[in-house]
């Protein structure tokens, strides 16, 4: 079941902030996902992209 859109609009800033704080805890992120790369770069955590096939 998806959350209602109003809930996302109301809580999105806190959810994004929480995710950025999570990514900031690591010395390096290894990922094959675009959003993980972006979050890592925002918080200046080194990132290594792996290839996903």
PDB file of N, CA and C in Angstrom:
ATOM      1  N   UNK A   1       0.841  -1.184   0.000  1.00  0.00           N
ATOM      2  CA  UNK A   1       0.000   0.000   0.000  1.00  0.00           C
ATOM      3  C   UNK A   1       0.885   1.246   0.000  1.00  0.00           C
ATOM      4  N   UNK A   2       0.613   2.139  -0.893  1.00  0.00           N
ATOM      5  CA  UNK A   2       1.380   3.379  -0.995  1.00  0.00           C
ATOM      6  C   UNK A   2       0.880   4.405   0.011  1.00  0.00           C
ATOM      7  N   UNK A   3       1.811   5.239   0.467  1.00  0.00           N
ATOM      8  CA  UNK A   3       1.433   6.333   1.359  1.00  0.00           C
ATOM      9  C   UNK A   3       0.708   7.402   0.548  1.00  0.00           C
ATOM     10  N   UNK A   4      -0.251   8.070   1.142  1.00  0.00           N
ATOM     11  CA  UNK A   4      -0.939   9.142   0.422  1.00  0.00           C
ATOM     12  C   UNK A   4       0.024  10.278   0.071  1.00  0.00           C
ATOM     13  N   UNK A   5      -0.237  10.954  -1.033  1.00  0.00           N
ATOM     14  CA  UNK A   5       0.649  12.014  -1.520  1.00  0.00           C
ATOM     15  C   UNK A   5       0.811  13.140  -0.504  1.00  0.00           C
ATOM     16  N   UNK A   6      -0.211  13.458   0.255  1.00  0.00           N
ATOM     17  CA  UNK A   6      -0.097  14.535   1.236  1.00  0.00           C
ATOM     18  C   UNK A   6       0.924  14.193   2.310  1.00  0.00           C
ATOM     19  N   UNK A   7       1.040  12.899   2.618  1.00  0.00           N
ATOM     20  CA  UNK A   7       2.008  12.495   3.636  1.00  0.00           C
ATOM     21  C   UNK A   7       3.431  12.733   3.122  1.00  0.00           C
ATOM     22  N   UNK A   8       3.687  12.394   1.850  1.00  0.00           N
ATOM     23  CA  UNK A   8       4.999  12.636   1.261  1.00  0.00           C
ATOM     24  C   UNK A   8       5.313  14.125   1.251  1.00  0.00           C
ATOM     25  N   UNK A   9       4.361  14.931   0.828  1.00  0.00           N
ATOM     26  CA  UNK A   9       4.585  16.371   0.771  1.00  0.00           C
ATOM     27  C   UNK A   9       4.883  16.945   2.145  1.00  0.00           C
ATOM     28  N   UNK A  10       4.246  16.408   3.147  1.00  0.00           N
ATOM     29  CA  UNK A  10       4.412  16.908   4.505  1.00  0.00           C
ATOM     30  C   UNK A  10       5.740  16.460   5.122  1.00  0.00           C
ATOM     31  N   UNK A  11       6.201  15.251   4.782  1.00  0.00           N
ATOM     32  CA  UNK A  11       7.359  14.670   5.448  1.00  0.00           C
ATOM     33  C   UNK A  11       8.608  14.548   4.583  1.00  0.00           C
ATOM     34  N   UNK A  12       8.559  14.979   3.334  1.00  0.00           N
ATOM     35  CA  UNK A  12       9.673  14.732   2.424  1.00  0.00           C
ATOM     36  C   UNK A  12      10.977  15.367   2.870  1.00  0.00           C
ATOM     37  N   UNK A  13      10.926  16.574   3.399  1.00  0.00           N
ATOM     38  CA  UNK A  13      12.161  17.234   3.824  1.00  0.00           C
ATOM     39  C   UNK A  13      12.854  16.449   4.935  1.00  0.00           C
ATOM     40  N   UNK A  14      12.089  15.979   5.889  1.00  0.00           N
ATOM     41  CA  UNK A  14      12.660  15.193   6.985  1.00  0.00           C
ATOM     42  C   UNK A  14      13.209  13.859   6.481  1.00  0.00           C
ATOM     43  N   UNK A  15      12.517  13.228   5.541  1.00  0.00           N
ATOM     44  CA  UNK A  15      12.973  11.950   4.994  1.00  0.00           C
ATOM     45  C   UNK A  15      14.275  12.118   4.200  1.00  0.00           C
ATOM     46  N   UNK A  16      14.356  13.166   3.413  1.00  0.00           N
ATOM     47  CA  UNK A  16      15.563  13.415   2.637  1.00  0.00           C
ATOM     48  C   UNK A  16      16.727  13.755   3.558  1.00  0.00           C
ATOM     49  N   UNK A  17      16.479  14.569   4.547  1.00  0.00           N
ATOM     50  CA  UNK A  17      17.525  14.922   5.524  1.00  0.00           C
ATOM     51  C   UNK A  17      18.041  13.674   6.240  1.00  0.00           C
ATOM     52  N   UNK A  18      17.133  12.785   6.616  1.00  0.00           N
ATOM     53  CA  UNK A  18      17.513  11.546   7.299  1.00  0.00           C
ATOM     54  C   UNK A  18      18.388  10.681   6.386  1.00  0.00           C
ATOM     55  N   UNK A  19      18.049  10.603   5.122  1.00  0.00           N
ATOM     56  CA  UNK A  19      18.825   9.822   4.171  1.00  0.00           C
ATOM     57  C   UNK A  19      20.215  10.424   3.972  1.00  0.00           C
ATOM     58  N   UNK A  20      20.296  11.741   3.872  1.00  0.00           N
ATOM     59  CA  UNK A  20      21.591  12.395   3.725  1.00  0.00           C
ATOM     60  C   UNK A  20      22.470  12.182   4.957  1.00  0.00           C
ATOM     61  N   UNK A  21      21.885  12.246   6.137  1.00  0.00           N
ATOM     62  CA  UNK A  21      22.644  11.982   7.365  1.00  0.00           C
ATOM     63  C   UNK A  21      23.178  10.553   7.370  1.00  0.00           C
ATOM     64  N   UNK A  22      22.378   9.621   6.861  1.00  0.00           N
ATOM     65  CA  UNK A  22      22.795   8.222   6.778  1.00  0.00           C
ATOM     66  C   UNK A  22      24.003   8.076   5.849  1.00  0.00           C
ATOM     67  N   UNK A  23      23.956   8.686   4.685  1.00  0.00           N
ATOM     68  CA  UNK A  23      25.055   8.597   3.727  1.00  0.00           C
ATOM     69  C   UNK A  23      26.312   9.284   4.249  1.00  0.00           C
ATOM     70  N   UNK A  24      26.166  10.307   5.046  1.00  0.00           N
ATOM     71  CA  UNK A  24      27.311  11.045   5.580  1.00  0.00           C
ATOM     72  C   UNK A  24      28.109  10.229   6.601  1.00  0.00           C
ATOM     73  N   UNK A  25      27.535   9.177   7.144  1.00  0.00           N
ATOM     74  CA  UNK A  25      28.204   8.365   8.162  1.00  0.00           C
ATOM     75  C   UNK A  25      29.308   7.470   7.597  1.00  0.00           C
ATOM     76  N   UNK A  26      29.284   7.222   6.302  1.00  0.00           N
ATOM     77  CA  UNK A  26      30.203   6.268   5.698  1.00  0.00           C
ATOM     78  C   UNK A  26      31.467   6.938   5.174  1.00  0.00           C
ATOM     79  N   UNK A  27      32.562   6.169   5.147  1.00  0.00           N
ATOM     80  CA  UNK A  27      33.812   6.667   4.578  1.00  0.00           C
ATOM     81  C   UNK A  27      33.763   6.609   3.060  1.00  0.00           C
ATOM     82  N   UNK A  28      33.035   5.642   2.513  1.00  0.00           N
ATOM     83  CA  UNK A  28      32.920   5.477   1.070  1.00  0.00           C
ATOM     84  C   UNK A  28      31.634   4.702   0.772  1.00  0.00           C
ATOM     85  N   UNK A  29      31.006   5.036  -0.332  1.00  0.00           N
ATOM     86  CA  UNK A  29      29.798   4.340  -0.777  1.00  0.00           C
ATOM     87  C   UNK A  29      30.118   3.605  -2.078  1.00  0.00           C
ATOM     88  N   UNK A  30      29.786   2.328  -2.143  1.00  0.00           N
ATOM     89  CA  UNK A  30      29.907   1.555  -3.379  1.00  0.00           C
ATOM     90  C   UNK A  30      28.488   1.216  -3.811  1.00  0.00           C
ATOM     91  N   UNK A  31      28.130   1.645  -5.009  1.00  0.00           N
ATOM     92  CA  UNK A  31      26.740   1.501  -5.438  1.00  0.00           C
ATOM     93  C   UNK A  31      26.635   1.320  -6.941  1.00  0.00           C
ATOM     94  N   UNK A  32      25.501   0.821  -7.369  1.00  0.00           N
ATOM     95  CA  UNK A  32      25.189   0.792  -8.798  1.00  0.00           C
ATOM     96  C   UNK A  32      23.918   1.594  -9.064  1.00  0.00           C
ATOM     97  N   UNK A  33      23.525   2.405  -8.106  1.00  0.00           N
ATOM     98  CA  UNK A  33      22.296   3.190  -8.211  1.00  0.00           C
ATOM     99  C   UNK A  33      22.594   4.677  -8.346  1.00  0.00           C
ATOM    100  N   UNK A  34      21.882   5.310  -9.249  1.00  0.00           N
ATOM    101  CA  UNK A  34      22.068   6.732  -9.536  1.00  0.00           C
ATOM    102  C   UNK A  34      21.786   7.607  -8.312  1.00  0.00           C
ATOM    103  N   UNK A  35      20.696   7.348  -7.605  1.00  0.00           N
ATOM    104  CA  UNK A  35      20.334   8.192  -6.459  1.00  0.00           C
ATOM    105  C   UNK A  35      21.362   8.083  -5.331  1.00  0.00           C
ATOM    106  N   UNK A  36      21.922   6.911  -5.140  1.00  0.00           N
ATOM    107  CA  UNK A  36      22.970   6.765  -4.121  1.00  0.00           C
ATOM    108  C   UNK A  36      24.191   7.602  -4.473  1.00  0.00           C
ATOM    109  N   UNK A  37      24.505   7.661  -5.761  1.00  0.00           N
ATOM    110  CA  UNK A  37      25.623   8.492  -6.208  1.00  0.00           C
ATOM    111  C   UNK A  37      25.349   9.963  -5.896  1.00  0.00           C
ATOM    112  N   UNK A  38      24.155  10.410  -6.185  1.00  0.00           N
ATOM    113  CA  UNK A  38      23.793  11.807  -5.924  1.00  0.00           C
ATOM    114  C   UNK A  38      23.844  12.118  -4.428  1.00  0.00           C
ATOM    115  N   UNK A  39      23.240  11.271  -3.598  1.00  0.00           N
ATOM    116  CA  UNK A  39      23.257  11.499  -2.154  1.00  0.00           C
ATOM    117  C   UNK A  39      24.693  11.537  -1.633  1.00  0.00           C
ATOM    118  N   UNK A  40      25.536  10.639  -2.116  1.00  0.00           N
ATOM    119  CA  UNK A  40      26.934  10.611  -1.683  1.00  0.00           C
ATOM    120  C   UNK A  40      27.653  11.903  -2.040  1.00  0.00           C
ATOM    121  N   UNK A  41      27.429  12.391  -3.236  1.00  0.00           N
ATOM    122  CA  UNK A  41      28.079  13.617  -3.675  1.00  0.00           C
ATOM    123  C   UNK A  41      27.596  14.835  -2.892  1.00  0.00           C
ATOM    124  N   UNK A  42      26.337  14.869  -2.561  1.00  0.00           N
ATOM    125  CA  UNK A  42      25.788  15.993  -1.788  1.00  0.00           C
ATOM    126  C   UNK A  42      26.482  16.123  -0.439  1.00  0.00           C
ATOM    127  N   UNK A  43      26.758  14.980   0.205  1.00  0.00           N
ATOM    128  CA  UNK A  43      27.364  15.017   1.544  1.00  0.00           C
ATOM    129  C   UNK A  43      28.882  14.817   1.496  1.00  0.00           C
ATOM    130  N   UNK A  44      29.460  14.891   0.280  1.00  0.00           N
ATOM    131  CA  UNK A  44      30.915  14.781   0.093  1.00  0.00           C
ATOM    132  C   UNK A  44      31.495  13.463   0.594  1.00  0.00           C
ATOM    133  N   UNK A  45      30.756  12.386   0.431  1.00  0.00           N
ATOM    134  CA  UNK A  45      31.262  11.048   0.732  1.00  0.00           C
ATOM    135  C   UNK A  45      31.764  10.443  -0.573  1.00  0.00           C
ATOM    136  N   UNK A  46      33.000   9.964  -0.596  1.00  0.00           N
ATOM    137  CA  UNK A  46      33.495   9.353  -1.831  1.00  0.00           C
ATOM    138  C   UNK A  46      32.573   8.213  -2.278  1.00  0.00           C
ATOM    139  N   UNK A  47      32.434   8.076  -3.587  1.00  0.00           N
ATOM    140  CA  UNK A  47      31.542   7.065  -4.123  1.00  0.00           C
ATOM    141  C   UNK A  47      32.222   6.321  -5.259  1.00  0.00           C
ATOM    142  N   UNK A  48      32.042   5.009  -5.275  1.00  0.00           N
ATOM    143  CA  UNK A  48      32.530   4.163  -6.368  1.00  0.00           C
ATOM    144  C   UNK A  48      31.306   3.516  -6.993  1.00  0.00           C
ATOM    145  N   UNK A  49      31.177   3.727  -8.280  1.00  0.00           N
ATOM    146  CA  UNK A  49      30.037   3.154  -8.987  1.00  0.00           C
ATOM    147  C   UNK A  49      30.411   1.805  -9.569  1.00  0.00           C
ATOM    148  N   UNK A  50      29.580   0.827  -9.297  1.00  0.00           N
ATOM    149  CA  UNK A  50      29.764  -0.487  -9.913  1.00  0.00           C
ATOM    150  C   UNK A  50      28.740  -0.623 -11.031  1.00  0.00           C
ATOM    151  N   UNK A  51      28.996  -1.506 -11.890  1.00  0.00           N
ATOM    152  CA  UNK A  51      28.128  -1.701 -13.049  1.00  0.00           C
ATOM    153  C   UNK A  51      27.021  -2.681 -12.712  1.00  0.00           C
ATOM    154  N   UNK A  52      25.807  -2.341 -13.086  1.00  0.00           N
ATOM    155  CA  UNK A  52      24.704  -3.282 -12.876  1.00  0.00           C
ATOM    156  C   UNK A  52      24.253  -3.790 -14.237  1.00  0.00           C
ATOM    157  N   UNK A  53      24.204  -5.090 -14.361  1.00  0.00           N
ATOM    158  CA  UNK A  53      23.787  -5.694 -15.631  1.00  0.00           C
ATOM    159  C   UNK A  53      22.423  -6.321 -15.509  1.00  0.00           C
TER     160      UNK A  53
END
